[in-house]
All heavy atoms as atom14 arrays in JSON, in Angstrom:
{
  "sequence": "LPLIVQGAPMWLVWATAACVNLRFVIFSAGWRPYFGHRPFWQKAAHA",
  "atom14_mask": [
    [1, 1, 1, 1, 1, 1, 1, 1, 0, 0, 0, 0, 0, 0],
    [1, 1, 1, 1, 1, 1, 1, 0, 0, 0, 0, 0, 0, 0],
    [1, 1, 1, 1, 1, 1, 1, 1, 0, 0, 0, 0, 0, 0],
    [1, 1, 1, 1, 1, 1, 1, 1, 0, 0, 0, 0, 0, 0],
    [1, 1, 1, 1, 1, 1, 1, 0, 0, 0, 0, 0, 0, 0],
    [1, 1, 1, 1, 1, 1, 1, 1, 1, 0, 0, 0, 0, 0],
    [1, 1, 1, 1, 0, 0, 0, 0, 0, 0, 0, 0, 0, 0],
    [1, 1, 1, 1, 1, 0, 0, 0, 0, 0, 0, 0, 0, 0],
    [1, 1, 1, 1, 1, 1, 1, 0, 0, 0, 0, 0, 0, 0],
    [1, 1, 1, 1, 1, 1, 1, 1, 0, 0, 0, 0, 0, 0],
    [1, 1, 1, 1, 1, 1, 1, 1, 1, 1, 1, 1, 1, 1],
    [1, 1, 1, 1, 1, 1, 1, 1, 0, 0, 0, 0, 0, 0],
    [1, 1, 1, 1, 1, 1, 1, 0, 0, 0, 0, 0, 0, 0],
    [1, 1, 1, 1, 1, 1, 1, 1, 1, 1, 1, 1, 1, 1],
    [1, 1, 1, 1, 1, 0, 0, 0, 0, 0, 0, 0, 0, 0],
    [1, 1, 1, 1, 1, 1, 1, 0, 0, 0, 0, 0, 0, 0],
    [1, 1, 1, 1, 1, 0, 0, 0, 0, 0, 0, 0, 0, 0],
    [1, 1, 1, 1, 1, 0, 0, 0, 0, 0, 0, 0, 0, 0],
    [1, 1, 1, 1, 1, 1, 0, 0, 0, 0, 0, 0, 0, 0],
    [1, 1, 1, 1, 1, 1, 1, 0, 0, 0, 0, 0, 0, 0],
    [1, 1, 1, 1, 1, 1, 1, 1, 0, 0, 0, 0, 0, 0],
    [1, 1, 1, 1, 1, 1, 1, 1, 0, 0, 0, 0, 0, 0],
    [1, 1, 1, 1, 1, 1, 1, 1, 1, 1, 1, 0, 0, 0],
    [1, 1, 1, 1, 1, 1, 1, 1, 1, 1, 1, 0, 0, 0],
    [1, 1, 1, 1, 1, 1, 1, 0, 0, 0, 0, 0, 0, 0],
    [1, 1, 1, 1, 1, 1, 1, 1, 0, 0, 0, 0, 0, 0],
    [1, 1, 1, 1, 1, 1, 1, 1, 1, 1, 1, 0, 0, 0],
    [1, 1, 1, 1, 1, 1, 0, 0, 0, 0, 0, 0, 0, 0],
    [1, 1, 1, 1, 1, 0, 0, 0, 0, 0, 0, 0, 0, 0],
    [1, 1, 1, 1, 0, 0, 0, 0, 0, 0, 0, 0, 0, 0],
    [1, 1, 1, 1, 1, 1, 1, 1, 1, 1, 1, 1, 1, 1],
    [1, 1, 1, 1, 1, 1, 1, 1, 1, 1, 1, 0, 0, 0],
    [1, 1, 1, 1, 1, 1, 1, 0, 0, 0, 0, 0, 0, 0],
    [1, 1, 1, 1, 1, 1, 1, 1, 1, 1, 1, 1, 0, 0],
    [1, 1, 1, 1, 1, 1, 1, 1, 1, 1, 1, 0, 0, 0],
    [1, 1, 1, 1, 0, 0, 0, 0, 0, 0, 0, 0, 0, 0],
    [1, 1, 1, 1, 1, 1, 1, 1, 1, 1, 0, 0, 0, 0],
    [1, 1, 1, 1, 1, 1, 1, 1, 1, 1, 1, 0, 0, 0],
    [1, 1, 1, 1, 1, 1, 1, 0, 0, 0, 0, 0, 0, 0],
    [1, 1, 1, 1, 1, 1, 1, 1, 1, 1, 1, 0, 0, 0],
    [1, 1, 1, 1, 1, 1, 1, 1, 1, 1, 1, 1, 1, 1],
    [1, 1, 1, 1, 1, 1, 1, 1, 1, 0, 0, 0, 0, 0],
    [1, 1, 1, 1, 1, 1, 1, 1, 1, 0, 0, 0, 0, 0],
    [1, 1, 1, 1, 1, 0, 0, 0, 0, 0, 0, 0, 0, 0],
    [1, 1, 1, 1, 1, 0, 0, 0, 0, 0, 0, 0, 0, 0],
    [1, 1, 1, 1, 1, 1, 1, 1, 1, 1, 0, 0, 0, 0],
    [1, 1, 1, 1, 1, 0, 0, 0, 0, 0, 0, 0, 0, 0]
  ],
  "atom14_positions": [
    [[-39.93, 47.88, 112.35], [-40.33, 48.56, 111.13], [-39.53, 49.82, 110.83], [-39.04, 49.98, 109.69], [-41.83, 48.89, 111.18], [-42.79, 47.75, 110.84], [-44.23, 48.21, 111.02], [-42.56, 47.25, 109.42], [0.0, 0.0, 0.0], [0.0, 0.0, 0.0], [0.0, 0.0, 0.0], [0.0, 0.0, 0.0], [0.0, 0.0, 0.0], [0.0, 0.0, 0.0]],
    [[-39.35, 50.74, 111.77], [-38.57, 51.95, 111.44], [-37.13, 51.63, 111.05], [-36.55, 52.3, 110.19], [-38.61, 52.76, 112.75], [-39.77, 52.23, 113.5], [-39.87, 50.79, 113.13], [0.0, 0.0, 0.0], [0.0, 0.0, 0.0], [0.0, 0.0, 0.0], [0.0, 0.0, 0.0], [0.0, 0.0, 0.0], [0.0, 0.0, 0.0], [0.0, 0.0, 0.0]],
    [[-36.58, 50.6, 111.64], [-35.21, 50.21, 111.31], [-35.13, 49.66, 109.9], [-34.18, 49.95, 109.15], [-34.71, 49.17, 112.32], [-34.7, 49.59, 113.79], [-34.23, 48.45, 114.67], [-33.82, 50.82, 113.99], [0.0, 0.0, 0.0], [0.0, 0.0, 0.0], [0.0, 0.0, 0.0], [0.0, 0.0, 0.0], [0.0, 0.0, 0.0], [0.0, 0.0, 0.0]],
    [[-36.12, 48.86, 109.52], [-36.16, 48.3, 108.17], [-36.3, 49.42, 107.14], [-35.61, 49.43, 106.11], [-37.31, 47.29, 108.03], [-37.06, 46.08, 108.95], [-37.47, 46.84, 106.59], [-38.23, 45.12, 109.01], [0.0, 0.0, 0.0], [0.0, 0.0, 0.0], [0.0, 0.0, 0.0], [0.0, 0.0, 0.0], [0.0, 0.0, 0.0], [0.0, 0.0, 0.0]],
    [[-37.19, 50.37, 107.43], [-37.44, 51.48, 106.5], [-36.18, 52.32, 106.33], [-35.86, 52.77, 105.22], [-38.61, 52.35, 107.0], [-38.73, 53.61, 106.17], [-39.9, 51.55, 106.96], [0.0, 0.0, 0.0], [0.0, 0.0, 0.0], [0.0, 0.0, 0.0], [0.0, 0.0, 0.0], [0.0, 0.0, 0.0], [0.0, 0.0, 0.0], [0.0, 0.0, 0.0]],
    [[-35.43, 52.56, 107.41], [-34.24, 53.4, 107.36], [-33.01, 52.64, 106.89], [-31.92, 53.22, 106.83], [-33.98, 54.02, 108.74], [-35.09, 54.95, 109.19], [-34.82, 55.53, 110.57], [-33.7, 55.91, 110.89], [-35.86, 55.61, 111.4], [0.0, 0.0, 0.0], [0.0, 0.0, 0.0], [0.0, 0.0, 0.0], [0.0, 0.0, 0.0], [0.0, 0.0, 0.0]],
    [[-33.17, 51.38, 106.54], [-32.04, 50.6, 106.02], [-31.0, 50.27, 107.07], [-29.8, 50.18, 106.77], [0.0, 0.0, 0.0], [0.0, 0.0, 0.0], [0.0, 0.0, 0.0], [0.0, 0.0, 0.0], [0.0, 0.0, 0.0], [0.0, 0.0, 0.0], [0.0, 0.0, 0.0], [0.0, 0.0, 0.0], [0.0, 0.0, 0.0], [0.0, 0.0, 0.0]],
    [[-31.43, 50.06, 108.31], [-30.5, 49.73, 109.39], [-29.9, 48.35, 109.14], [-30.5, 47.51, 108.45], [-31.23, 49.74, 110.73], [0.0, 0.0, 0.0], [0.0, 0.0, 0.0], [0.0, 0.0, 0.0], [0.0, 0.0, 0.0], [0.0, 0.0, 0.0], [0.0, 0.0, 0.0], [0.0, 0.0, 0.0], [0.0, 0.0, 0.0], [0.0, 0.0, 0.0]],
    [[-28.72, 48.07, 109.68], [-28.11, 46.74, 109.51], [-29.03, 45.65, 110.05], [-29.74, 45.84, 111.04], [-26.83, 46.84, 110.35], [-26.55, 48.3, 110.46], [-27.88, 48.99, 110.46], [0.0, 0.0, 0.0], [0.0, 0.0, 0.0], [0.0, 0.0, 0.0], [0.0, 0.0, 0.0], [0.0, 0.0, 0.0], [0.0, 0.0, 0.0], [0.0, 0.0, 0.0]],
    [[-28.98, 44.5, 109.4], [-29.88, 43.42, 109.79], [-29.64, 42.97, 111.23], [-30.58, 42.61, 111.94], [-29.71, 42.23, 108.83], [-30.72, 41.11, 109.05], [-32.46, 41.68, 108.95], [-32.54, 42.24, 107.26], [0.0, 0.0, 0.0], [0.0, 0.0, 0.0], [0.0, 0.0, 0.0], [0.0, 0.0, 0.0], [0.0, 0.0, 0.0], [0.0, 0.0, 0.0]],
    [[-28.38, 43.01, 111.67], [-28.11, 42.59, 113.04], [-28.81, 43.49, 114.05], [-29.25, 43.03, 115.11], [-26.6, 42.58, 113.32], [-25.94, 43.94, 113.35], [-25.31, 44.58, 112.33], [-25.88, 44.83, 114.48], [-24.85, 45.82, 112.72], [-25.18, 45.99, 114.03], [-26.33, 44.78, 115.79], [-24.94, 47.08, 114.88], [-26.09, 45.86, 116.63], [-25.4, 46.99, 116.19]],
    [[-28.94, 44.78, 113.69], [-29.61, 45.72, 114.59], [-31.11, 45.45, 114.62], [-31.74, 45.54, 115.68], [-29.34, 47.15, 114.14], [-29.94, 48.26, 115.02], [-29.45, 48.14, 116.46], [-29.59, 49.64, 114.45], [0.0, 0.0, 0.0], [0.0, 0.0, 0.0], [0.0, 0.0, 0.0], [0.0, 0.0, 0.0], [0.0, 0.0, 0.0], [0.0, 0.0, 0.0]],
    [[-31.69, 45.1, 113.48], [-33.11, 44.76, 113.43], [-33.39, 43.54, 114.31], [-34.32, 43.53, 115.14], [-33.56, 44.49, 111.98], [-35.02, 44.04, 111.94], [-33.36, 45.73, 111.11], [0.0, 0.0, 0.0], [0.0, 0.0, 0.0], [0.0, 0.0, 0.0], [0.0, 0.0, 0.0], [0.0, 0.0, 0.0], [0.0, 0.0, 0.0], [0.0, 0.0, 0.0]],
    [[-32.54, 42.5, 114.14], [-32.72, 41.29, 114.94], [-32.51, 41.56, 116.42], [-33.25, 41.07, 117.28], [-31.75, 40.2, 114.47], [-32.2, 39.5, 113.23], [-31.82, 39.78, 111.94], [-33.12, 38.42, 113.12], [-32.45, 38.92, 111.06], [-33.25, 38.08, 111.77], [-33.86, 37.69, 114.06], [-34.08, 37.06, 111.32], [-34.69, 36.67, 113.61], [-34.79, 36.37, 112.25]],
    [[-31.48, 42.34, 116.74], [-31.18, 42.64, 118.14], [-32.3, 43.41, 118.8], [-32.68, 43.16, 119.95], [-29.86, 43.42, 118.24], [0.0, 0.0, 0.0], [0.0, 0.0, 0.0], [0.0, 0.0, 0.0], [0.0, 0.0, 0.0], [0.0, 0.0, 0.0], [0.0, 0.0, 0.0], [0.0, 0.0, 0.0], [0.0, 0.0, 0.0], [0.0, 0.0, 0.0]],
    [[-32.88, 44.38, 118.05], [-33.98, 45.16, 118.6], [-35.2, 44.28, 118.88], [-35.82, 44.37, 119.95], [-34.37, 46.3, 117.63], [-33.22, 47.14, 117.42], [-35.52, 47.11, 118.17], [0.0, 0.0, 0.0], [0.0, 0.0, 0.0], [0.0, 0.0, 0.0], [0.0, 0.0, 0.0], [0.0, 0.0, 0.0], [0.0, 0.0, 0.0], [0.0, 0.0, 0.0]],
    [[-35.54, 43.43, 117.91], [-36.68, 42.53, 118.09], [-36.44, 41.59, 119.27], [-37.36, 41.31, 120.05], [-36.93, 41.74, 116.81], [0.0, 0.0, 0.0], [0.0, 0.0, 0.0], [0.0, 0.0, 0.0], [0.0, 0.0, 0.0], [0.0, 0.0, 0.0], [0.0, 0.0, 0.0], [0.0, 0.0, 0.0], [0.0, 0.0, 0.0], [0.0, 0.0, 0.0]],
    [[-35.21, 41.11, 119.39], [-34.88, 40.2, 120.5], [-35.0, 40.92, 121.84], [-35.53, 40.36, 122.81], [-33.47, 39.64, 120.32], [0.0, 0.0, 0.0], [0.0, 0.0, 0.0], [0.0, 0.0, 0.0], [0.0, 0.0, 0.0], [0.0, 0.0, 0.0], [0.0, 0.0, 0.0], [0.0, 0.0, 0.0], [0.0, 0.0, 0.0], [0.0, 0.0, 0.0]],
    [[-34.54, 42.15, 121.91], [-34.63, 42.91, 123.16], [-36.08, 43.18, 123.55], [-36.45, 43.06, 124.72], [-33.87, 44.24, 123.02], [-32.08, 44.08, 123.04], [0.0, 0.0, 0.0], [0.0, 0.0, 0.0], [0.0, 0.0, 0.0], [0.0, 0.0, 0.0], [0.0, 0.0, 0.0], [0.0, 0.0, 0.0], [0.0, 0.0, 0.0], [0.0, 0.0, 0.0]],
    [[-36.88, 43.53, 122.54], [-38.29, 43.8, 122.83], [-38.97, 42.55, 123.39], [-39.85, 42.63, 124.26], [-39.0, 44.27, 121.54], [-40.51, 44.33, 121.76], [-38.49, 45.64, 121.14], [0.0, 0.0, 0.0], [0.0, 0.0, 0.0], [0.0, 0.0, 0.0], [0.0, 0.0, 0.0], [0.0, 0.0, 0.0], [0.0, 0.0, 0.0], [0.0, 0.0, 0.0]],
    [[-38.55, 41.38, 122.93], [-39.2, 40.14, 123.35], [-38.5, 39.45, 124.51], [-38.84, 38.3, 124.84], [-39.28, 39.16, 122.16], [-40.41, 39.52, 121.21], [-41.37, 40.18, 121.6], [-40.29, 39.1, 119.97], [0.0, 0.0, 0.0], [0.0, 0.0, 0.0], [0.0, 0.0, 0.0], [0.0, 0.0, 0.0], [0.0, 0.0, 0.0], [0.0, 0.0, 0.0]],
    [[-37.55, 40.12, 125.15], [-36.86, 39.52, 126.28], [-37.81, 39.14, 127.42], [-37.55, 38.21, 128.17], [-35.79, 40.48, 126.82], [-34.41, 40.42, 126.16], [-33.5, 41.47, 126.77], [-33.81, 39.03, 126.32], [0.0, 0.0, 0.0], [0.0, 0.0, 0.0], [0.0, 0.0, 0.0], [0.0, 0.0, 0.0], [0.0, 0.0, 0.0], [0.0, 0.0, 0.0]],
    [[-38.91, 39.86, 127.53], [-39.84, 39.58, 128.61], [-40.41, 38.17, 128.53], [-40.81, 37.6, 129.55], [-40.99, 40.61, 128.59], [-41.89, 40.52, 127.36], [-42.78, 41.75, 127.26], [-43.77, 41.65, 126.2], [-43.51, 41.86, 124.91], [-42.28, 42.17, 124.52], [-44.47, 41.76, 124.0], [0.0, 0.0, 0.0], [0.0, 0.0, 0.0], [0.0, 0.0, 0.0]],
    [[-40.41, 37.61, 127.32], [-40.96, 36.26, 127.18], [-40.04, 35.2, 127.78], [-40.49, 34.09, 128.06], [-41.24, 35.95, 125.7], [-42.46, 36.67, 125.19], [-42.35, 37.81, 124.42], [-43.73, 36.22, 125.51], [-43.46, 38.48, 123.96], [-44.86, 36.89, 125.07], [-44.72, 38.02, 124.28], [0.0, 0.0, 0.0], [0.0, 0.0, 0.0], [0.0, 0.0, 0.0]],
    [[-38.78, 35.53, 127.97], [-37.9, 34.63, 128.71], [-38.39, 34.5, 130.14], [-38.45, 33.4, 130.72], [-36.45, 35.14, 128.67], [-35.54, 34.24, 129.52], [-35.94, 35.22, 127.24], [0.0, 0.0, 0.0], [0.0, 0.0, 0.0], [0.0, 0.0, 0.0], [0.0, 0.0, 0.0], [0.0, 0.0, 0.0], [0.0, 0.0, 0.0], [0.0, 0.0, 0.0]],
    [[-38.77, 35.64, 130.73], [-39.31, 35.63, 132.09], [-40.66, 34.93, 132.13], [-40.95, 34.13, 133.03], [-39.44, 37.08, 132.62], [-38.07, 37.76, 132.6], [-40.03, 37.1, 134.02], [-38.09, 39.22, 132.96], [0.0, 0.0, 0.0], [0.0, 0.0, 0.0], [0.0, 0.0, 0.0], [0.0, 0.0, 0.0], [0.0, 0.0, 0.0], [0.0, 0.0, 0.0]],
    [[-41.5, 35.21, 131.14], [-42.8, 34.53, 131.08], [-42.63, 33.01, 130.97], [-43.33, 32.25, 131.64], [-43.61, 35.03, 129.88], [-44.03, 36.46, 129.96], [-44.54, 37.13, 128.84], [-43.91, 37.18, 131.14], [-44.93, 38.45, 128.91], [-44.29, 38.52, 131.21], [-44.8, 39.15, 130.1], [0.0, 0.0, 0.0], [0.0, 0.0, 0.0], [0.0, 0.0, 0.0]],
    [[-41.69, 32.59, 130.14], [-41.47, 31.15, 129.95], [-41.02, 30.48, 131.24], [-41.44, 29.36, 131.55], [-40.43, 30.92, 128.86], [-40.88, 31.42, 127.61], [0.0, 0.0, 0.0], [0.0, 0.0, 0.0], [0.0, 0.0, 0.0], [0.0, 0.0, 0.0], [0.0, 0.0, 0.0], [0.0, 0.0, 0.0], [0.0, 0.0, 0.0], [0.0, 0.0, 0.0]],
    [[-40.17, 31.18, 131.98], [-39.73, 30.63, 133.27], [-40.91, 30.5, 134.23], [-41.0, 29.54, 135.0], [-38.65, 31.53, 133.88], [0.0, 0.0, 0.0], [0.0, 0.0, 0.0], [0.0, 0.0, 0.0], [0.0, 0.0, 0.0], [0.0, 0.0, 0.0], [0.0, 0.0, 0.0], [0.0, 0.0, 0.0], [0.0, 0.0, 0.0], [0.0, 0.0, 0.0]],
    [[-41.84, 31.47, 134.16], [-43.03, 31.4, 135.01], [-43.97, 30.28, 134.6], [-44.65, 29.68, 135.46], [0.0, 0.0, 0.0], [0.0, 0.0, 0.0], [0.0, 0.0, 0.0], [0.0, 0.0, 0.0], [0.0, 0.0, 0.0], [0.0, 0.0, 0.0], [0.0, 0.0, 0.0], [0.0, 0.0, 0.0], [0.0, 0.0, 0.0], [0.0, 0.0, 0.0]],
    [[-44.05, 29.99, 133.3], [-44.93, 28.93, 132.81], [-44.34, 27.53, 132.96], [-45.07, 26.53, 132.9], [-45.27, 29.18, 131.34], [-46.6, 29.82, 131.11], [-47.79, 29.45, 131.66], [-46.9, 30.92, 130.25], [-48.81, 30.26, 131.21], [-48.29, 31.17, 130.33], [-46.12, 31.72, 129.41], [-48.92, 32.17, 129.61], [-46.75, 32.73, 128.69], [-48.13, 32.95, 128.79]],
    [[-43.04, 27.43, 133.12], [-42.38, 26.13, 133.13], [-42.97, 25.15, 134.15], [-43.18, 23.98, 133.82], [-40.88, 26.31, 133.36], [-40.11, 24.99, 133.35], [-38.61, 25.21, 133.52], [-37.9, 23.96, 133.59], [-37.53, 23.24, 132.53], [-37.82, 23.68, 131.32], [-36.9, 22.1, 132.67], [0.0, 0.0, 0.0], [0.0, 0.0, 0.0], [0.0, 0.0, 0.0]],
    [[-43.25, 25.56, 135.39], [-43.8, 24.59, 136.35], [-45.15, 24.03, 135.92], [-45.52, 22.92, 136.34], [-43.95, 25.42, 137.65], [-43.0, 26.55, 137.49], [-43.0, 26.87, 136.03], [0.0, 0.0, 0.0], [0.0, 0.0, 0.0], [0.0, 0.0, 0.0], [0.0, 0.0, 0.0], [0.0, 0.0, 0.0], [0.0, 0.0, 0.0], [0.0, 0.0, 0.0]],
    [[-45.88, 24.77, 135.09], [-47.19, 24.32, 134.66], [-47.13, 23.41, 133.43], [-47.85, 22.43, 133.34], [-48.08, 25.53, 134.33], [-48.25, 26.52, 135.45], [-47.41, 27.62, 135.57], [-49.28, 26.38, 136.39], [-47.57, 28.55, 136.6], [-49.46, 27.3, 137.42], [-48.6, 28.38, 137.51], [-48.76, 29.28, 138.51], [0.0, 0.0, 0.0], [0.0, 0.0, 0.0]],
    [[-46.27, 23.79, 132.45], [-46.28, 23.12, 131.16], [-44.95, 22.48, 130.77], [-44.81, 21.97, 129.66], [-46.68, 24.12, 130.06], [-48.02, 24.76, 130.28], [-48.21, 26.12, 130.01], [-49.1, 24.02, 130.75], [-49.45, 26.71, 130.22], [-50.34, 24.62, 130.95], [-50.52, 25.96, 130.69], [0.0, 0.0, 0.0], [0.0, 0.0, 0.0], [0.0, 0.0, 0.0]],
    [[-43.98, 22.5, 131.66], [-42.66, 21.96, 131.33], [-42.66, 20.48, 131.02], [-41.77, 19.99, 130.33], [0.0, 0.0, 0.0], [0.0, 0.0, 0.0], [0.0, 0.0, 0.0], [0.0, 0.0, 0.0], [0.0, 0.0, 0.0], [0.0, 0.0, 0.0], [0.0, 0.0, 0.0], [0.0, 0.0, 0.0], [0.0, 0.0, 0.0], [0.0, 0.0, 0.0]],
    [[-43.67, 19.75, 131.49], [-43.73, 18.31, 131.28], [-44.36, 17.93, 129.95], [-44.36, 16.75, 129.58], [-44.54, 17.67, 132.41], [-45.98, 18.11, 132.42], [-46.37, 19.35, 132.9], [-47.12, 17.48, 132.01], [-47.69, 19.46, 132.79], [-48.17, 18.35, 132.25], [0.0, 0.0, 0.0], [0.0, 0.0, 0.0], [0.0, 0.0, 0.0], [0.0, 0.0, 0.0]],
    [[-44.89, 18.88, 129.22], [-45.63, 18.57, 128.0], [-44.7, 18.26, 126.83], [-43.53, 18.66, 126.83], [-46.58, 19.72, 127.65], [-47.73, 19.82, 128.64], [-48.85, 20.7, 128.15], [-50.02, 20.52, 129.0], [-51.01, 19.65, 128.75], [-50.96, 18.91, 127.65], [-52.04, 19.55, 129.56], [0.0, 0.0, 0.0], [0.0, 0.0, 0.0], [0.0, 0.0, 0.0]],
    [[-45.2, 17.58, 125.79], [-44.38, 17.25, 124.61], [-43.83, 18.51, 123.94], [-44.42, 19.59, 124.06], [-45.35, 16.51, 123.69], [-46.43, 16.01, 124.58], [-46.57, 17.02, 125.69], [0.0, 0.0, 0.0], [0.0, 0.0, 0.0], [0.0, 0.0, 0.0], [0.0, 0.0, 0.0], [0.0, 0.0, 0.0], [0.0, 0.0, 0.0], [0.0, 0.0, 0.0]],
    [[-42.76, 18.34, 123.18], [-42.1, 19.48, 122.54], [-43.04, 20.25, 121.63], [-43.04, 21.48, 121.64], [-40.88, 18.99, 121.75], [-40.24, 20.09, 120.94], [-39.38, 21.0, 121.54], [-40.5, 20.22, 119.57], [-38.8, 22.02, 120.8], [-39.92, 21.23, 118.84], [-39.06, 22.14, 119.45], [0.0, 0.0, 0.0], [0.0, 0.0, 0.0], [0.0, 0.0, 0.0]],
    [[-43.85, 19.56, 120.83], [-44.69, 20.27, 119.87], [-45.73, 21.13, 120.58], [-46.1, 22.2, 120.1], [-45.38, 19.28, 118.91], [-46.46, 18.44, 119.52], [-46.34, 17.22, 120.1], [-47.86, 18.79, 119.6], [-47.56, 16.76, 120.54], [-48.51, 17.71, 120.25], [-48.62, 19.89, 119.19], [-49.88, 17.7, 120.5], [-49.98, 19.88, 119.45], [-50.6, 18.8, 120.09]],
    [[-46.21, 20.67, 121.77], [-47.15, 21.47, 122.52], [-46.47, 22.7, 123.11], [-47.04, 23.8, 123.13], [-47.78, 20.63, 123.63], [-48.73, 19.56, 123.11], [-49.46, 18.86, 124.24], [-49.24, 19.11, 125.42], [-50.35, 17.94, 123.88], [0.0, 0.0, 0.0], [0.0, 0.0, 0.0], [0.0, 0.0, 0.0], [0.0, 0.0, 0.0], [0.0, 0.0, 0.0]],
    [[-45.25, 22.54, 123.57], [-44.52, 23.68, 124.11], [-44.16, 24.68, 123.0], [-44.15, 25.89, 123.23], [-43.26, 23.21, 124.84], [-43.57, 22.5, 126.16], [-42.31, 22.18, 126.96], [-41.53, 21.03, 126.36], [-40.42, 20.6, 127.26], [0.0, 0.0, 0.0], [0.0, 0.0, 0.0], [0.0, 0.0, 0.0], [0.0, 0.0, 0.0], [0.0, 0.0, 0.0]],
    [[-43.89, 24.16, 121.8], [-43.61, 25.05, 120.67], [-44.85, 25.85, 120.29], [-44.77, 27.06, 120.02], [-43.12, 24.23, 119.47], [0.0, 0.0, 0.0], [0.0, 0.0, 0.0], [0.0, 0.0, 0.0], [0.0, 0.0, 0.0], [0.0, 0.0, 0.0], [0.0, 0.0, 0.0], [0.0, 0.0, 0.0], [0.0, 0.0, 0.0], [0.0, 0.0, 0.0]],
    [[-46.02, 25.2, 120.28], [-47.27, 25.91, 119.99], [-47.55, 26.94, 121.08], [-48.0, 28.06, 120.79], [-48.42, 24.91, 119.89], [0.0, 0.0, 0.0], [0.0, 0.0, 0.0], [0.0, 0.0, 0.0], [0.0, 0.0, 0.0], [0.0, 0.0, 0.0], [0.0, 0.0, 0.0], [0.0, 0.0, 0.0], [0.0, 0.0, 0.0], [0.0, 0.0, 0.0]],
    [[-47.28, 26.58, 122.31], [-47.46, 27.51, 123.41], [-46.57, 28.73, 123.25], [-47.0, 29.87, 123.48], [-47.17, 26.79, 124.73], [-47.16, 27.7, 125.93], [-46.06, 28.44, 126.29], [-48.13, 27.99, 126.83], [-46.34, 29.15, 127.37], [-47.59, 28.89, 127.72], [0.0, 0.0, 0.0], [0.0, 0.0, 0.0], [0.0, 0.0, 0.0], [0.0, 0.0, 0.0]],
    [[-45.3, 28.5, 122.85], [-44.36, 29.61, 122.68], [-44.83, 30.57, 121.6], [-44.69, 31.8, 121.73], [-42.98, 29.07, 122.34], [0.0, 0.0, 0.0], [0.0, 0.0, 0.0], [0.0, 0.0, 0.0], [0.0, 0.0, 0.0], [0.0, 0.0, 0.0], [0.0, 0.0, 0.0], [0.0, 0.0, 0.0], [0.0, 0.0, 0.0], [0.0, 0.0, 0.0]]
  ]
}
């Protein structure tokens, strides 16, 4: 939000949001043994 308000470049907005959500890469790796076998649409809903 502050980046959007200040007119920051779009790449910076996307990069910031991606960095903030990097932890979900680790979470996904932790969930994989439990739900990795499920259909794609279920994994997408889970994500």
